[in-house]
All heavy atoms as atom14 arrays in JSON, in Angstrom:
{
  "sequence": "GVEVVFGIPGSHNLAVFGGLAESSIRLVSPRHEQGAGFAAGGYAR",
  "atom14_mask": [
    [1, 1, 1, 1, 0, 0, 0, 0, 0, 0, 0, 0, 0, 0],
    [1, 1, 1, 1, 1, 1, 1, 0, 0, 0, 0, 0, 0, 0],
    [1, 1, 1, 1, 1, 1, 1, 1, 1, 0, 0, 0, 0, 0],
    [1, 1, 1, 1, 1, 1, 1, 0, 0, 0, 0, 0, 0, 0],
    [1, 1, 1, 1, 1, 1, 1, 0, 0, 0, 0, 0, 0, 0],
    [1, 1, 1, 1, 1, 1, 1, 1, 1, 1, 1, 0, 0, 0],
    [1, 1, 1, 1, 0, 0, 0, 0, 0, 0, 0, 0, 0, 0],
    [1, 1, 1, 1, 1, 1, 1, 1, 0, 0, 0, 0, 0, 0],
    [1, 1, 1, 1, 1, 1, 1, 0, 0, 0, 0, 0, 0, 0],
    [1, 1, 1, 1, 0, 0, 0, 0, 0, 0, 0, 0, 0, 0],
    [1, 1, 1, 1, 1, 1, 0, 0, 0, 0, 0, 0, 0, 0],
    [1, 1, 1, 1, 1, 1, 1, 1, 1, 1, 0, 0, 0, 0],
    [1, 1, 1, 1, 1, 1, 1, 1, 0, 0, 0, 0, 0, 0],
    [1, 1, 1, 1, 1, 1, 1, 1, 0, 0, 0, 0, 0, 0],
    [1, 1, 1, 1, 1, 0, 0, 0, 0, 0, 0, 0, 0, 0],
    [1, 1, 1, 1, 1, 1, 1, 0, 0, 0, 0, 0, 0, 0],
    [1, 1, 1, 1, 1, 1, 1, 1, 1, 1, 1, 0, 0, 0],
    [1, 1, 1, 1, 0, 0, 0, 0, 0, 0, 0, 0, 0, 0],
    [1, 1, 1, 1, 0, 0, 0, 0, 0, 0, 0, 0, 0, 0],
    [1, 1, 1, 1, 1, 1, 1, 1, 0, 0, 0, 0, 0, 0],
    [1, 1, 1, 1, 1, 0, 0, 0, 0, 0, 0, 0, 0, 0],
    [1, 1, 1, 1, 1, 1, 1, 1, 1, 0, 0, 0, 0, 0],
    [1, 1, 1, 1, 1, 1, 0, 0, 0, 0, 0, 0, 0, 0],
    [1, 1, 1, 1, 1, 1, 0, 0, 0, 0, 0, 0, 0, 0],
    [1, 1, 1, 1, 1, 1, 1, 1, 0, 0, 0, 0, 0, 0],
    [1, 1, 1, 1, 1, 1, 1, 1, 1, 1, 1, 0, 0, 0],
    [1, 1, 1, 1, 1, 1, 1, 1, 0, 0, 0, 0, 0, 0],
    [1, 1, 1, 1, 1, 1, 1, 0, 0, 0, 0, 0, 0, 0],
    [1, 1, 1, 1, 1, 1, 0, 0, 0, 0, 0, 0, 0, 0],
    [1, 1, 1, 1, 1, 1, 1, 0, 0, 0, 0, 0, 0, 0],
    [1, 1, 1, 1, 1, 1, 1, 1, 1, 1, 1, 0, 0, 0],
    [1, 1, 1, 1, 1, 1, 1, 1, 1, 1, 0, 0, 0, 0],
    [1, 1, 1, 1, 1, 1, 1, 1, 1, 0, 0, 0, 0, 0],
    [1, 1, 1, 1, 1, 1, 1, 1, 1, 0, 0, 0, 0, 0],
    [1, 1, 1, 1, 0, 0, 0, 0, 0, 0, 0, 0, 0, 0],
    [1, 1, 1, 1, 1, 0, 0, 0, 0, 0, 0, 0, 0, 0],
    [1, 1, 1, 1, 0, 0, 0, 0, 0, 0, 0, 0, 0, 0],
    [1, 1, 1, 1, 1, 1, 1, 1, 1, 1, 1, 0, 0, 0],
    [1, 1, 1, 1, 1, 0, 0, 0, 0, 0, 0, 0, 0, 0],
    [1, 1, 1, 1, 1, 0, 0, 0, 0, 0, 0, 0, 0, 0],
    [1, 1, 1, 1, 0, 0, 0, 0, 0, 0, 0, 0, 0, 0],
    [1, 1, 1, 1, 0, 0, 0, 0, 0, 0, 0, 0, 0, 0],
    [1, 1, 1, 1, 1, 1, 1, 1, 1, 1, 1, 1, 0, 0],
    [1, 1, 1, 1, 1, 0, 0, 0, 0, 0, 0, 0, 0, 0],
    [1, 1, 1, 1, 1, 1, 1, 1, 1, 1, 1, 0, 0, 0]
  ],
  "atom14_positions": [
    [[8.12, -6.49, -15.98], [8.56, -5.13, -16.27], [7.62, -4.03, -15.82], [7.83, -2.86, -16.17], [0.0, 0.0, 0.0], [0.0, 0.0, 0.0], [0.0, 0.0, 0.0], [0.0, 0.0, 0.0], [0.0, 0.0, 0.0], [0.0, 0.0, 0.0], [0.0, 0.0, 0.0], [0.0, 0.0, 0.0], [0.0, 0.0, 0.0], [0.0, 0.0, 0.0]],
    [[6.58, -4.35, -15.07], [5.66, -3.32, -14.6], [6.38, -2.44, -13.58], [6.98, -2.94, -12.63], [4.38, -3.94, -13.98], [3.5, -2.87, -13.34], [3.62, -4.7, -15.06], [0.0, 0.0, 0.0], [0.0, 0.0, 0.0], [0.0, 0.0, 0.0], [0.0, 0.0, 0.0], [0.0, 0.0, 0.0], [0.0, 0.0, 0.0], [0.0, 0.0, 0.0]],
    [[6.33, -1.14, -13.81], [6.99, -0.19, -12.92], [6.02, 0.66, -12.12], [6.37, 1.21, -11.09], [7.9, 0.74, -13.73], [9.02, -0.01, -14.44], [9.79, 0.86, -15.41], [9.3, 1.94, -15.8], [10.89, 0.44, -15.8], [0.0, 0.0, 0.0], [0.0, 0.0, 0.0], [0.0, 0.0, 0.0], [0.0, 0.0, 0.0], [0.0, 0.0, 0.0]],
    [[4.78, 0.79, -12.63], [3.77, 1.63, -11.99], [2.44, 0.89, -12.01], [2.08, 0.29, -13.02], [3.61, 2.98, -12.73], [2.55, 3.84, -12.06], [4.91, 3.72, -12.83], [0.0, 0.0, 0.0], [0.0, 0.0, 0.0], [0.0, 0.0, 0.0], [0.0, 0.0, 0.0], [0.0, 0.0, 0.0], [0.0, 0.0, 0.0], [0.0, 0.0, 0.0]],
    [[1.71, 0.97, -10.9], [0.35, 0.45, -10.82], [-0.53, 1.56, -10.26], [-0.14, 2.24, -9.32], [0.26, -0.81, -9.93], [-1.19, -1.16, -9.6], [0.93, -2.0, -10.6], [0.0, 0.0, 0.0], [0.0, 0.0, 0.0], [0.0, 0.0, 0.0], [0.0, 0.0, 0.0], [0.0, 0.0, 0.0], [0.0, 0.0, 0.0], [0.0, 0.0, 0.0]],
    [[-1.68, 1.73, -10.85], [-2.65, 2.72, -10.41], [-3.76, 1.99, -9.67], [-4.19, 0.93, -10.11], [-3.23, 3.49, -11.61], [-2.16, 4.16, -12.43], [-1.53, 3.47, -13.46], [-1.76, 5.44, -12.15], [-0.53, 4.08, -14.22], [-0.76, 6.05, -12.89], [-0.14, 5.37, -13.93], [0.0, 0.0, 0.0], [0.0, 0.0, 0.0], [0.0, 0.0, 0.0]],
    [[-4.22, 2.53, -8.56], [-5.31, 1.85, -7.88], [-5.65, 2.41, -6.53], [-4.92, 3.22, -5.96], [0.0, 0.0, 0.0], [0.0, 0.0, 0.0], [0.0, 0.0, 0.0], [0.0, 0.0, 0.0], [0.0, 0.0, 0.0], [0.0, 0.0, 0.0], [0.0, 0.0, 0.0], [0.0, 0.0, 0.0], [0.0, 0.0, 0.0], [0.0, 0.0, 0.0]],
    [[-6.79, 1.93, -6.04], [-7.31, 2.36, -4.76], [-7.48, 1.12, -3.88], [-8.2, 0.19, -4.26], [-8.65, 3.08, -4.93], [-8.46, 4.31, -5.82], [-9.26, 3.45, -3.58], [-9.75, 5.02, -6.2], [0.0, 0.0, 0.0], [0.0, 0.0, 0.0], [0.0, 0.0, 0.0], [0.0, 0.0, 0.0], [0.0, 0.0, 0.0], [0.0, 0.0, 0.0]],
    [[-6.81, 1.1, -2.72], [-6.96, -0.07, -1.85], [-8.34, -0.13, -1.21], [-8.99, 0.89, -0.99], [-5.88, 0.14, -0.8], [-5.53, 1.58, -0.84], [-5.89, 2.09, -2.2], [0.0, 0.0, 0.0], [0.0, 0.0, 0.0], [0.0, 0.0, 0.0], [0.0, 0.0, 0.0], [0.0, 0.0, 0.0], [0.0, 0.0, 0.0], [0.0, 0.0, 0.0]],
    [[-8.78, -1.33, -0.96], [-10.04, -1.57, -0.27], [-9.95, -2.92, 0.42], [-9.0, -3.67, 0.24], [0.0, 0.0, 0.0], [0.0, 0.0, 0.0], [0.0, 0.0, 0.0], [0.0, 0.0, 0.0], [0.0, 0.0, 0.0], [0.0, 0.0, 0.0], [0.0, 0.0, 0.0], [0.0, 0.0, 0.0], [0.0, 0.0, 0.0], [0.0, 0.0, 0.0]],
    [[-10.94, -3.24, 1.2], [-10.88, -4.47, 2.0], [-10.74, -5.73, 1.13], [-10.19, -6.72, 1.58], [-12.12, -4.58, 2.88], [-13.3, -4.58, 2.1], [0.0, 0.0, 0.0], [0.0, 0.0, 0.0], [0.0, 0.0, 0.0], [0.0, 0.0, 0.0], [0.0, 0.0, 0.0], [0.0, 0.0, 0.0], [0.0, 0.0, 0.0], [0.0, 0.0, 0.0]],
    [[-11.18, -5.69, -0.11], [-11.14, -6.88, -0.97], [-9.8, -7.09, -1.68], [-9.52, -8.2, -2.13], [-12.24, -6.8, -2.03], [-13.59, -6.68, -1.45], [-14.28, -5.49, -1.41], [-14.37, -7.59, -0.85], [-15.44, -5.69, -0.84], [-15.52, -6.95, -0.48], [0.0, 0.0, 0.0], [0.0, 0.0, 0.0], [0.0, 0.0, 0.0], [0.0, 0.0, 0.0]],
    [[-9.02, -6.06, -1.86], [-7.79, -6.19, -2.64], [-6.52, -6.0, -1.82], [-5.46, -5.75, -2.38], [-7.81, -5.24, -3.85], [-7.92, -3.79, -3.45], [-7.63, -3.4, -2.32], [-8.34, -2.95, -4.39], [0.0, 0.0, 0.0], [0.0, 0.0, 0.0], [0.0, 0.0, 0.0], [0.0, 0.0, 0.0], [0.0, 0.0, 0.0], [0.0, 0.0, 0.0]],
    [[-6.61, -6.11, -0.51], [-5.46, -5.85, 0.35], [-4.28, -6.78, 0.08], [-3.14, -6.38, 0.26], [-5.87, -5.9, 1.82], [-6.78, -4.76, 2.26], [-7.17, -4.92, 3.72], [-6.12, -3.4, 2.02], [0.0, 0.0, 0.0], [0.0, 0.0, 0.0], [0.0, 0.0, 0.0], [0.0, 0.0, 0.0], [0.0, 0.0, 0.0], [0.0, 0.0, 0.0]],
    [[-4.54, -8.0, -0.39], [-3.43, -8.91, -0.7], [-2.57, -8.36, -1.83], [-1.34, -8.5, -1.81], [-3.97, -10.29, -1.05], [0.0, 0.0, 0.0], [0.0, 0.0, 0.0], [0.0, 0.0, 0.0], [0.0, 0.0, 0.0], [0.0, 0.0, 0.0], [0.0, 0.0, 0.0], [0.0, 0.0, 0.0], [0.0, 0.0, 0.0], [0.0, 0.0, 0.0]],
    [[-3.2, -7.71, -2.79], [-2.44, -7.1, -3.89], [-1.65, -5.89, -3.36], [-0.46, -5.75, -3.65], [-3.38, -6.66, -5.03], [-2.59, -5.93, -6.12], [-4.11, -7.85, -5.61], [0.0, 0.0, 0.0], [0.0, 0.0, 0.0], [0.0, 0.0, 0.0], [0.0, 0.0, 0.0], [0.0, 0.0, 0.0], [0.0, 0.0, 0.0], [0.0, 0.0, 0.0]],
    [[-2.29, -5.06, -2.58], [-1.61, -3.87, -2.07], [-0.51, -4.22, -1.08], [0.49, -3.52, -0.98], [-2.62, -2.88, -1.49], [-3.3, -2.1, -2.58], [-4.44, -2.61, -3.19], [-2.79, -0.91, -3.04], [-5.05, -1.93, -4.24], [-3.39, -0.22, -4.08], [-4.52, -0.73, -4.67], [0.0, 0.0, 0.0], [0.0, 0.0, 0.0], [0.0, 0.0, 0.0]],
    [[-0.66, -5.33, -0.35], [0.42, -5.81, 0.5], [1.64, -6.17, -0.33], [2.78, -5.85, 0.03], [0.0, 0.0, 0.0], [0.0, 0.0, 0.0], [0.0, 0.0, 0.0], [0.0, 0.0, 0.0], [0.0, 0.0, 0.0], [0.0, 0.0, 0.0], [0.0, 0.0, 0.0], [0.0, 0.0, 0.0], [0.0, 0.0, 0.0], [0.0, 0.0, 0.0]],
    [[1.4, -6.82, -1.47], [2.5, -7.14, -2.38], [3.13, -5.91, -2.99], [4.35, -5.83, -3.14], [0.0, 0.0, 0.0], [0.0, 0.0, 0.0], [0.0, 0.0, 0.0], [0.0, 0.0, 0.0], [0.0, 0.0, 0.0], [0.0, 0.0, 0.0], [0.0, 0.0, 0.0], [0.0, 0.0, 0.0], [0.0, 0.0, 0.0], [0.0, 0.0, 0.0]],
    [[2.31, -4.92, -3.34], [2.85, -3.68, -3.9], [3.75, -2.96, -2.9], [4.79, -2.4, -3.27], [1.71, -2.76, -4.35], [0.98, -3.17, -5.62], [-0.3, -2.36, -5.8], [1.9, -3.03, -6.84], [0.0, 0.0, 0.0], [0.0, 0.0, 0.0], [0.0, 0.0, 0.0], [0.0, 0.0, 0.0], [0.0, 0.0, 0.0], [0.0, 0.0, 0.0]],
    [[3.36, -2.98, -1.63], [4.15, -2.31, -0.59], [5.54, -2.92, -0.46], [6.48, -2.23, -0.06], [3.41, -2.37, 0.74], [0.0, 0.0, 0.0], [0.0, 0.0, 0.0], [0.0, 0.0, 0.0], [0.0, 0.0, 0.0], [0.0, 0.0, 0.0], [0.0, 0.0, 0.0], [0.0, 0.0, 0.0], [0.0, 0.0, 0.0], [0.0, 0.0, 0.0]],
    [[5.67, -4.19, -0.8], [6.95, -4.89, -0.68], [7.73, -4.92, -1.99], [8.82, -5.46, -2.04], [6.69, -6.32, -0.22], [5.88, -6.42, 1.04], [6.72, -6.74, 2.25], [7.8, -7.3, 2.07], [6.26, -6.43, 3.35], [0.0, 0.0, 0.0], [0.0, 0.0, 0.0], [0.0, 0.0, 0.0], [0.0, 0.0, 0.0], [0.0, 0.0, 0.0]],
    [[7.17, -4.35, -3.04], [7.81, -4.44, -4.36], [8.47, -3.12, -4.75], [8.34, -2.12, -4.06], [6.75, -4.8, -5.42], [5.97, -3.67, -5.74], [0.0, 0.0, 0.0], [0.0, 0.0, 0.0], [0.0, 0.0, 0.0], [0.0, 0.0, 0.0], [0.0, 0.0, 0.0], [0.0, 0.0, 0.0], [0.0, 0.0, 0.0], [0.0, 0.0, 0.0]],
    [[9.13, -3.15, -5.88], [9.73, -1.93, -6.43], [8.73, -1.16, -7.3], [9.05, -0.09, -7.81], [10.97, -2.28, -7.26], [10.59, -3.03, -8.41], [0.0, 0.0, 0.0], [0.0, 0.0, 0.0], [0.0, 0.0, 0.0], [0.0, 0.0, 0.0], [0.0, 0.0, 0.0], [0.0, 0.0, 0.0], [0.0, 0.0, 0.0], [0.0, 0.0, 0.0]],
    [[7.54, -1.7, -7.47], [6.52, -1.05, -8.3], [5.99, 0.17, -7.57], [5.64, 0.11, -6.39], [5.37, -2.03, -8.62], [5.9, -3.2, -9.47], [4.23, -1.32, -9.34], [4.88, -4.3, -9.73], [0.0, 0.0, 0.0], [0.0, 0.0, 0.0], [0.0, 0.0, 0.0], [0.0, 0.0, 0.0], [0.0, 0.0, 0.0], [0.0, 0.0, 0.0]],
    [[5.92, 1.28, -8.29], [5.39, 2.52, -7.72], [3.86, 2.49, -7.77], [3.28, 2.17, -8.8], [5.91, 3.71, -8.52], [5.59, 5.04, -7.9], [6.29, 6.17, -8.64], [5.29, 7.18, -8.92], [5.11, 7.77, -10.08], [5.87, 7.48, -11.1], [4.18, 8.66, -10.22], [0.0, 0.0, 0.0], [0.0, 0.0, 0.0], [0.0, 0.0, 0.0]],
    [[3.24, 2.82, -6.67], [1.78, 2.88, -6.61], [1.34, 4.33, -6.72], [1.83, 5.2, -6.01], [1.27, 2.31, -5.29], [-0.22, 2.52, -5.0], [-1.08, 1.8, -6.03], [-0.55, 2.07, -3.58], [0.0, 0.0, 0.0], [0.0, 0.0, 0.0], [0.0, 0.0, 0.0], [0.0, 0.0, 0.0], [0.0, 0.0, 0.0], [0.0, 0.0, 0.0]],
    [[0.41, 4.58, -7.65], [-0.22, 5.89, -7.77], [-1.7, 5.67, -7.47], [-2.37, 4.89, -8.14], [-0.04, 6.48, -9.19], [-0.77, 7.81, -9.31], [1.44, 6.63, -9.51], [0.0, 0.0, 0.0], [0.0, 0.0, 0.0], [0.0, 0.0, 0.0], [0.0, 0.0, 0.0], [0.0, 0.0, 0.0], [0.0, 0.0, 0.0], [0.0, 0.0, 0.0]],
    [[-2.17, 6.35, -6.43], [-3.55, 6.15, -5.99], [-4.38, 7.39, -6.3], [-4.28, 8.41, -5.61], [-3.58, 5.85, -4.48], [-4.88, 5.51, -4.09], [0.0, 0.0, 0.0], [0.0, 0.0, 0.0], [0.0, 0.0, 0.0], [0.0, 0.0, 0.0], [0.0, 0.0, 0.0], [0.0, 0.0, 0.0], [0.0, 0.0, 0.0], [0.0, 0.0, 0.0]],
    [[-5.21, 7.32, -7.34], [-6.07, 8.45, -7.68], [-7.27, 8.52, -6.73], [-7.42, 7.68, -5.85], [-6.52, 8.13, -9.11], [-6.53, 6.64, -9.13], [-5.41, 6.19, -8.23], [0.0, 0.0, 0.0], [0.0, 0.0, 0.0], [0.0, 0.0, 0.0], [0.0, 0.0, 0.0], [0.0, 0.0, 0.0], [0.0, 0.0, 0.0], [0.0, 0.0, 0.0]],
    [[-8.13, 9.46, -6.94], [-9.29, 9.63, -6.06], [-10.49, 8.8, -6.5], [-11.47, 8.71, -5.78], [-9.69, 11.1, -6.0], [-8.63, 11.93, -5.34], [-9.01, 13.4, -5.36], [-7.94, 14.19, -4.83], [-7.95, 14.75, -3.64], [-8.98, 14.61, -2.85], [-6.93, 15.46, -3.24], [0.0, 0.0, 0.0], [0.0, 0.0, 0.0], [0.0, 0.0, 0.0]],
    [[-10.43, 8.22, -7.7], [-11.59, 7.49, -8.23], [-11.08, 6.38, -9.15], [-10.05, 6.54, -9.82], [-12.48, 8.48, -9.01], [-13.82, 7.95, -9.37], [-14.03, 7.21, -10.51], [-15.02, 8.05, -8.76], [-15.31, 6.89, -10.59], [-15.93, 7.38, -9.54], [0.0, 0.0, 0.0], [0.0, 0.0, 0.0], [0.0, 0.0, 0.0], [0.0, 0.0, 0.0]],
    [[-11.79, 5.28, -9.2], [-11.38, 4.14, -10.03], [-11.33, 4.48, -11.52], [-10.5, 3.97, -12.25], [-12.31, 2.95, -9.81], [-12.25, 2.36, -8.42], [-13.17, 3.04, -7.42], [-13.82, 4.06, -7.76], [-13.25, 2.55, -6.28], [0.0, 0.0, 0.0], [0.0, 0.0, 0.0], [0.0, 0.0, 0.0], [0.0, 0.0, 0.0], [0.0, 0.0, 0.0]],
    [[-12.24, 5.35, -11.97], [-12.19, 5.76, -13.37], [-10.86, 6.45, -13.66], [-10.26, 6.23, -14.7], [-13.36, 6.67, -13.7], [-13.46, 6.98, -15.19], [-14.67, 7.84, -15.5], [-14.76, 8.97, -15.02], [-15.58, 7.3, -16.28], [0.0, 0.0, 0.0], [0.0, 0.0, 0.0], [0.0, 0.0, 0.0], [0.0, 0.0, 0.0], [0.0, 0.0, 0.0]],
    [[-10.41, 7.26, -12.71], [-9.11, 7.92, -12.84], [-7.98, 6.9, -12.93], [-7.03, 7.08, -13.68], [0.0, 0.0, 0.0], [0.0, 0.0, 0.0], [0.0, 0.0, 0.0], [0.0, 0.0, 0.0], [0.0, 0.0, 0.0], [0.0, 0.0, 0.0], [0.0, 0.0, 0.0], [0.0, 0.0, 0.0], [0.0, 0.0, 0.0], [0.0, 0.0, 0.0]],
    [[-8.08, 5.82, -12.15], [-7.06, 4.76, -12.2], [-7.02, 4.13, -13.58], [-5.95, 3.9, -14.15], [-7.33, 3.71, -11.13], [0.0, 0.0, 0.0], [0.0, 0.0, 0.0], [0.0, 0.0, 0.0], [0.0, 0.0, 0.0], [0.0, 0.0, 0.0], [0.0, 0.0, 0.0], [0.0, 0.0, 0.0], [0.0, 0.0, 0.0], [0.0, 0.0, 0.0]],
    [[-8.19, 3.86, -14.14], [-8.26, 3.25, -15.47], [-7.71, 4.16, -16.55], [-6.94, 3.72, -17.41], [0.0, 0.0, 0.0], [0.0, 0.0, 0.0], [0.0, 0.0, 0.0], [0.0, 0.0, 0.0], [0.0, 0.0, 0.0], [0.0, 0.0, 0.0], [0.0, 0.0, 0.0], [0.0, 0.0, 0.0], [0.0, 0.0, 0.0], [0.0, 0.0, 0.0]],
    [[-8.12, 5.42, -16.51], [-7.61, 6.36, -17.52], [-6.12, 6.64, -17.33], [-5.39, 6.82, -18.3], [-8.41, 7.66, -17.52], [-9.69, 7.56, -18.32], [-10.93, 7.7, -17.71], [-9.66, 7.3, -19.69], [-12.11, 7.6, -18.44], [-10.83, 7.19, -20.43], [-12.06, 7.34, -19.8], [0.0, 0.0, 0.0], [0.0, 0.0, 0.0], [0.0, 0.0, 0.0]],
    [[-5.66, 6.66, -16.08], [-4.22, 6.86, -15.83], [-3.41, 5.69, -16.38], [-2.36, 5.89, -16.99], [-3.96, 7.04, -14.33], [0.0, 0.0, 0.0], [0.0, 0.0, 0.0], [0.0, 0.0, 0.0], [0.0, 0.0, 0.0], [0.0, 0.0, 0.0], [0.0, 0.0, 0.0], [0.0, 0.0, 0.0], [0.0, 0.0, 0.0], [0.0, 0.0, 0.0]],
    [[-3.92, 4.47, -16.2], [-3.23, 3.3, -16.74], [-3.19, 3.36, -18.27], [-2.16, 3.05, -18.89], [-3.91, 2.01, -16.28], [0.0, 0.0, 0.0], [0.0, 0.0, 0.0], [0.0, 0.0, 0.0], [0.0, 0.0, 0.0], [0.0, 0.0, 0.0], [0.0, 0.0, 0.0], [0.0, 0.0, 0.0], [0.0, 0.0, 0.0], [0.0, 0.0, 0.0]],
    [[-4.29, 3.8, -18.88], [-4.32, 3.96, -20.33], [-3.37, 5.04, -20.8], [-2.64, 4.87, -21.79], [0.0, 0.0, 0.0], [0.0, 0.0, 0.0], [0.0, 0.0, 0.0], [0.0, 0.0, 0.0], [0.0, 0.0, 0.0], [0.0, 0.0, 0.0], [0.0, 0.0, 0.0], [0.0, 0.0, 0.0], [0.0, 0.0, 0.0], [0.0, 0.0, 0.0]],
    [[-3.33, 6.15, -20.1], [-2.41, 7.24, -20.44], [-0.96, 6.82, -20.27], [-0.11, 7.14, -21.09], [0.0, 0.0, 0.0], [0.0, 0.0, 0.0], [0.0, 0.0, 0.0], [0.0, 0.0, 0.0], [0.0, 0.0, 0.0], [0.0, 0.0, 0.0], [0.0, 0.0, 0.0], [0.0, 0.0, 0.0], [0.0, 0.0, 0.0], [0.0, 0.0, 0.0]],
    [[-0.7, 6.09, -19.2], [0.66, 5.58, -18.97], [1.08, 4.67, -20.12], [2.2, 4.77, -20.64], [0.73, 4.83, -17.64], [2.05, 4.15, -17.42], [3.13, 4.85, -16.87], [2.25, 2.82, -17.77], [4.36, 4.24, -16.69], [3.47, 2.2, -17.59], [4.52, 2.91, -17.05], [5.75, 2.31, -16.87], [0.0, 0.0, 0.0], [0.0, 0.0, 0.0]],
    [[0.19, 3.76, -20.53], [0.51, 2.84, -21.63], [0.83, 3.61, -22.91], [1.78, 3.27, -23.63], [-0.65, 1.87, -21.86], [0.0, 0.0, 0.0], [0.0, 0.0, 0.0], [0.0, 0.0, 0.0], [0.0, 0.0, 0.0], [0.0, 0.0, 0.0], [0.0, 0.0, 0.0], [0.0, 0.0, 0.0], [0.0, 0.0, 0.0], [0.0, 0.0, 0.0]],
    [[0.08, 4.64, -23.18], [0.32, 5.45, -24.39], [1.66, 6.19, -24.3], [2.41, 6.22, -25.27], [-0.8, 6.47, -24.57], [-2.14, 5.87, -24.91], [-3.22, 6.94, -24.8], [-4.56, 6.41, -24.77], [-5.41, 6.47, -25.78], [-5.06, 7.03, -26.91], [-6.61, 5.95, -25.66], [0.0, 0.0, 0.0], [0.0, 0.0, 0.0], [0.0, 0.0, 0.0]]
  ]
}
C-alpha cells in the first residue's frame, strides 16, 4: 500500500530507484536526506 517514497538517488541505491521508476509509487526527492526522513515522518502522521 505504499503510495509515496521520499529519497535521493545515488550510485548505491539505483536498483531501488529503477524499481520506483517502473512502479505506481510517487517519488518525492528533497534536497537533503534529513528532509526525506522528516517528510516520511510527516507523511505518516
